[in-house]
Every structure is written in C-alpha cells, then in structure tokens.
Amino acid sequence: MIKSLRGYKIIQGVRGQEGVNEDLYADQIARVSALVQAAPEIAEMDLNPLLGTKDTIVAVDARIRIEK
C-alpha cells in the first residue's frame, strides 16, 4: 500500500536525500492503527509531519482529540 501513495517518490528519496526505511514506516503505521483500535475514545489524530530516515521514523507534531 505504501508504494501506491502519491508521495511514494519522496519516501524512496529525492534531491540527494536518502529514502525512508519502508519497513519501519509500515510498522509505525501499524502501531498507530493498533493504538486507535485499543483506545476507541480517540476521536481524531493528526501526526504531521512524519519524518523518516533509514534508521528512524519520528512524528514531529501530534494532536489527539479524545471523546467519551
């Protein structure tokens, strides 16, 4: 699914920058999905931007809205 993203070329690496580790990227997405499933009180989540290298993936900013 990652390869079908419009921005996939950025994930591969552009303008001399190294690409993102796609396995780590997929793992982080799966972890966010598991969090949302485990905590149904999460109404909204915004992770922007999600930056990555070959060694790490980091959410620079996050906002989570909880509903009871």
N, C-alpha and C. Protein backbone atom coordinates (compact mmCIF):
# COMPACT_ATOMS: atom_id res chain seq x y z
N MET A 1 0.82 -1.20 0.00
CA MET A 1 0.00 0.00 0.00
C MET A 1 0.86 1.26 0.00
N ILE A 2 2.00 1.21 0.65
CA ILE A 2 2.87 2.38 0.70
C ILE A 2 3.30 2.77 -0.71
N LYS A 3 3.57 1.79 -1.55
CA LYS A 3 4.01 2.06 -2.92
C LYS A 3 2.93 2.73 -3.75
N SER A 4 1.67 2.66 -3.32
CA SER A 4 0.59 3.27 -4.08
C SER A 4 0.34 4.73 -3.67
N LEU A 5 1.05 5.24 -2.67
CA LEU A 5 0.89 6.63 -2.25
C LEU A 5 1.38 7.59 -3.33
N ARG A 6 0.69 8.70 -3.47
CA ARG A 6 1.13 9.72 -4.44
C ARG A 6 2.54 10.21 -4.13
N GLY A 7 2.87 10.30 -2.86
CA GLY A 7 4.18 10.80 -2.45
C GLY A 7 5.23 9.72 -2.29
N TYR A 8 5.02 8.57 -2.90
CA TYR A 8 5.96 7.46 -2.73
C TYR A 8 7.37 7.82 -3.16
N LYS A 9 7.52 8.63 -4.18
CA LYS A 9 8.87 9.01 -4.63
C LYS A 9 9.64 9.72 -3.52
N ILE A 10 8.94 10.48 -2.69
CA ILE A 10 9.58 11.16 -1.56
C ILE A 10 10.08 10.12 -0.55
N ILE A 11 9.29 9.09 -0.33
CA ILE A 11 9.67 8.01 0.59
C ILE A 11 10.92 7.30 0.07
N GLN A 12 11.01 7.15 -1.24
CA GLN A 12 12.18 6.50 -1.84
C GLN A 12 13.44 7.35 -1.74
N GLY A 13 13.27 8.66 -1.61
CA GLY A 13 14.41 9.57 -1.53
C GLY A 13 14.47 10.44 -2.77
N VAL A 14 14.57 11.73 -2.57
CA VAL A 14 14.64 12.69 -3.67
C VAL A 14 15.68 13.76 -3.37
N ARG A 15 16.13 14.42 -4.42
CA ARG A 15 17.07 15.56 -4.31
C ARG A 15 18.29 15.25 -3.45
N GLY A 16 18.83 14.06 -3.63
CA GLY A 16 20.04 13.68 -2.92
C GLY A 16 19.82 13.19 -1.49
N GLN A 17 18.58 13.19 -1.03
CA GLN A 17 18.31 12.69 0.33
C GLN A 17 18.07 11.19 0.28
N GLU A 18 18.49 10.51 1.34
CA GLU A 18 18.26 9.07 1.40
C GLU A 18 16.78 8.77 1.59
N GLY A 19 16.37 7.61 1.19
CA GLY A 19 14.99 7.20 1.34
C GLY A 19 14.66 6.78 2.76
N VAL A 20 13.38 6.61 3.00
CA VAL A 20 12.86 6.18 4.30
C VAL A 20 12.87 4.66 4.36
N ASN A 21 13.16 4.11 5.52
CA ASN A 21 13.07 2.67 5.71
C ASN A 21 11.60 2.28 5.66
N GLU A 22 11.19 1.64 4.58
CA GLU A 22 9.78 1.33 4.37
C GLU A 22 9.23 0.34 5.40
N ASP A 23 10.06 -0.55 5.89
CA ASP A 23 9.60 -1.50 6.92
C ASP A 23 9.30 -0.76 8.22
N LEU A 24 10.17 0.18 8.62
CA LEU A 24 9.91 0.98 9.82
C LEU A 24 8.67 1.85 9.64
N TYR A 25 8.53 2.42 8.45
CA TYR A 25 7.38 3.27 8.15
C TYR A 25 6.08 2.47 8.28
N ALA A 26 6.05 1.29 7.68
CA ALA A 26 4.87 0.42 7.77
C ALA A 26 4.60 0.00 9.21
N ASP A 27 5.66 -0.26 9.97
CA ASP A 27 5.50 -0.65 11.37
C ASP A 27 4.88 0.49 12.18
N GLN A 28 5.31 1.72 11.94
CA GLN A 28 4.75 2.86 12.67
C GLN A 28 3.27 3.05 12.34
N ILE A 29 2.93 2.88 11.09
CA ILE A 29 1.52 3.00 10.69
C ILE A 29 0.70 1.90 11.37
N ALA A 30 1.23 0.69 11.42
CA ALA A 30 0.53 -0.41 12.09
C ALA A 30 0.38 -0.14 13.58
N ARG A 31 1.38 0.47 14.20
CA ARG A 31 1.29 0.79 15.63
C ARG A 31 0.24 1.85 15.91
N VAL A 32 0.15 2.86 15.05
CA VAL A 32 -0.88 3.88 15.21
C VAL A 32 -2.26 3.23 15.05
N SER A 33 -2.39 2.35 14.09
CA SER A 33 -3.65 1.64 13.88
C SER A 33 -4.03 0.82 15.11
N ALA A 34 -3.05 0.11 15.69
CA ALA A 34 -3.31 -0.68 16.89
C ALA A 34 -3.71 0.21 18.06
N LEU A 35 -3.08 1.38 18.20
CA LEU A 35 -3.44 2.32 19.25
C LEU A 35 -4.88 2.77 19.13
N VAL A 36 -5.27 3.13 17.91
CA VAL A 36 -6.64 3.60 17.69
C VAL A 36 -7.65 2.49 17.97
N GLN A 37 -7.32 1.27 17.62
CA GLN A 37 -8.22 0.14 17.90
C GLN A 37 -8.31 -0.13 19.40
N ALA A 38 -7.19 0.00 20.11
CA ALA A 38 -7.17 -0.27 21.54
C ALA A 38 -7.79 0.85 22.37
N ALA A 39 -7.85 2.04 21.81
CA ALA A 39 -8.39 3.20 22.54
C ALA A 39 -9.49 3.85 21.71
N PRO A 40 -10.70 3.29 21.73
CA PRO A 40 -11.78 3.84 20.91
C PRO A 40 -12.18 5.26 21.29
N GLU A 41 -11.72 5.74 22.43
CA GLU A 41 -12.02 7.12 22.82
C GLU A 41 -11.23 8.14 21.99
N ILE A 42 -10.27 7.69 21.21
CA ILE A 42 -9.55 8.60 20.30
C ILE A 42 -10.48 8.91 19.14
N ALA A 43 -10.93 10.18 19.08
CA ALA A 43 -11.85 10.60 18.04
C ALA A 43 -11.11 11.10 16.81
N GLU A 44 -9.97 11.75 17.02
CA GLU A 44 -9.16 12.28 15.92
C GLU A 44 -7.69 12.20 16.29
N MET A 45 -6.86 12.01 15.28
CA MET A 45 -5.42 12.02 15.50
C MET A 45 -4.76 12.65 14.28
N ASP A 46 -3.85 13.57 14.53
CA ASP A 46 -3.11 14.23 13.47
C ASP A 46 -1.64 14.12 13.78
N LEU A 47 -0.90 13.42 12.93
CA LEU A 47 0.56 13.31 13.05
C LEU A 47 1.13 14.02 11.83
N ASN A 48 1.76 15.16 12.07
CA ASN A 48 2.18 15.94 10.92
C ASN A 48 3.37 16.81 11.28
N PRO A 49 4.49 16.66 10.66
CA PRO A 49 4.81 15.63 9.68
C PRO A 49 5.37 14.39 10.34
N LEU A 50 5.39 13.32 9.59
CA LEU A 50 6.03 12.08 9.98
C LEU A 50 7.32 12.02 9.16
N LEU A 51 8.46 12.18 9.82
CA LEU A 51 9.75 12.23 9.13
C LEU A 51 10.50 10.92 9.32
N GLY A 52 11.21 10.51 8.30
CA GLY A 52 11.93 9.25 8.41
C GLY A 52 13.26 9.26 7.69
N THR A 53 14.12 8.37 8.15
CA THR A 53 15.40 8.09 7.51
C THR A 53 15.51 6.57 7.40
N LYS A 54 16.69 6.09 7.08
CA LYS A 54 16.87 4.64 7.01
C LYS A 54 16.88 4.01 8.40
N ASP A 55 17.06 4.83 9.45
CA ASP A 55 17.19 4.30 10.81
C ASP A 55 16.01 4.59 11.73
N THR A 56 15.21 5.61 11.43
CA THR A 56 14.17 6.01 12.38
C THR A 56 13.00 6.71 11.67
N ILE A 57 11.85 6.67 12.34
CA ILE A 57 10.67 7.40 11.91
C ILE A 57 10.20 8.21 13.12
N VAL A 58 9.93 9.50 12.94
CA VAL A 58 9.56 10.37 14.05
C VAL A 58 8.35 11.22 13.67
N ALA A 59 7.37 11.27 14.56
CA ALA A 59 6.26 12.21 14.42
C ALA A 59 6.72 13.52 15.04
N VAL A 60 6.85 14.56 14.23
CA VAL A 60 7.36 15.84 14.72
C VAL A 60 6.31 16.54 15.59
N ASP A 61 5.07 16.43 15.20
CA ASP A 61 3.99 17.07 15.93
C ASP A 61 2.78 16.13 15.93
N ALA A 62 2.09 16.08 17.05
CA ALA A 62 0.91 15.20 17.14
C ALA A 62 -0.20 15.91 17.90
N ARG A 63 -1.42 15.66 17.45
CA ARG A 63 -2.59 16.17 18.14
C ARG A 63 -3.60 15.04 18.20
N ILE A 64 -4.09 14.77 19.41
CA ILE A 64 -5.06 13.70 19.59
C ILE A 64 -6.26 14.27 20.33
N ARG A 65 -7.45 14.06 19.77
CA ARG A 65 -8.69 14.52 20.42
C ARG A 65 -9.40 13.30 20.96
N ILE A 66 -9.73 13.37 22.27
CA ILE A 66 -10.39 12.28 22.96
C ILE A 66 -11.87 12.62 23.16
N GLU A 67 -12.73 11.64 22.94
CA GLU A 67 -14.17 11.78 23.23
C GLU A 67 -14.57 10.67 24.17
N LYS A 68 -15.49 10.99 25.05
CA LYS A 68 -16.00 9.96 25.96
C LYS A 68 -17.23 9.33 25.41
